[in-house]
Each structure stands twice: as structure tokens, then as C-alpha cells.
């Protein structure tokens, strides 16, 4: 491996860590501001996906 490849992998790793950190921060902030409801639950309920997934007995 040459130095450019190693630098590219390091940059990729740092970018992914930043993306993961920001995602966790945004998720916690959203949950705090919306009384414990998560982003995915909000999106799924707004698009009525949860209604379709519930089994009717």
C-alpha cells in the first residue's frame, strides 16, 4: 500500500466516525425535544407504516 491509499482510508475512517457521532447527537436531541419519541418511530407513524405492520386478530 502506498501513502495515498493509507491516507484515504484514514480520511474515510475519520469521516465515518464524525457521521456516526453527529447521528447519535441528533437522535438524542430529537428524542429530548419530542418527549421520548424517536425519529424512526415518528417517521413510521406519520407514513402509517406501523398501522400496516400491526396484526389484526
Protein backbone atom coordinates (compact mmCIF):
# COMPACT_ATOMS: atom_id res chain seq x y z
CA UNK A 1 0.00 0.00 0.00
CA UNK A 2 1.23 3.44 -0.80
CA UNK A 3 0.82 6.51 1.39
CA UNK A 4 -2.11 7.89 -0.63
CA UNK A 5 -4.15 4.75 -0.01
CA UNK A 6 -3.39 4.80 3.70
CA UNK A 7 -4.32 8.50 3.91
CA UNK A 8 -7.56 7.77 2.05
CA UNK A 9 -8.51 5.00 4.48
CA UNK A 10 -7.70 7.21 7.46
CA UNK A 11 -9.83 10.01 5.98
CA UNK A 12 -12.66 7.58 5.36
CA UNK A 13 -12.45 6.31 8.94
CA UNK A 14 -12.46 9.81 10.40
CA UNK A 15 -15.41 10.81 8.19
CA UNK A 16 -17.43 7.78 9.25
CA UNK A 17 -16.71 8.45 12.93
CA UNK A 18 -17.85 12.07 12.57
CA UNK A 19 -21.01 10.95 10.77
CA UNK A 20 -21.76 8.40 13.48
CA UNK A 21 -21.16 10.94 16.26
CA UNK A 22 -23.41 13.54 14.66
CA UNK A 23 -26.14 10.96 14.07
CA UNK A 24 -26.11 9.91 17.72
CA UNK A 25 -26.13 13.55 18.87
CA UNK A 26 -29.04 14.47 16.57
CA UNK A 27 -31.02 11.40 17.63
CA UNK A 28 -30.62 12.20 21.33
CA UNK A 29 -31.51 15.85 20.78
CA UNK A 30 -34.62 14.92 18.78
CA UNK A 31 -35.73 12.44 21.42
CA UNK A 32 -35.25 15.01 24.19
CA UNK A 33 -37.26 17.65 22.31
CA UNK A 34 -40.11 15.30 21.33
CA UNK A 35 -40.90 13.67 24.69
CA UNK A 36 -39.01 10.45 24.10
CA UNK A 37 -40.30 9.67 20.62
CA UNK A 38 -37.51 8.65 18.28
CA UNK A 39 -37.05 9.86 14.70
CA UNK A 40 -37.76 6.47 13.15
CA UNK A 41 -40.93 5.94 15.19
CA UNK A 42 -42.14 9.42 14.24
CA UNK A 43 -41.46 8.86 10.53
CA UNK A 44 -43.04 5.40 10.52
CA UNK A 45 -46.16 6.60 12.31
CA UNK A 46 -46.51 9.66 10.04
CA UNK A 47 -46.40 7.44 6.95
CA UNK A 48 -48.81 4.90 8.50
CA UNK A 49 -46.30 2.08 8.25
CA UNK A 50 -46.95 1.00 11.83
CA UNK A 51 -50.66 0.64 11.12
CA UNK A 52 -49.96 -1.76 8.28
CA UNK A 53 -47.50 -3.79 10.34
CA UNK A 54 -49.88 -4.43 13.24
CA UNK A 55 -51.57 -7.78 13.05
CA UNK A 56 -55.30 -7.80 13.39
CA UNK A 57 -56.66 -10.69 15.43
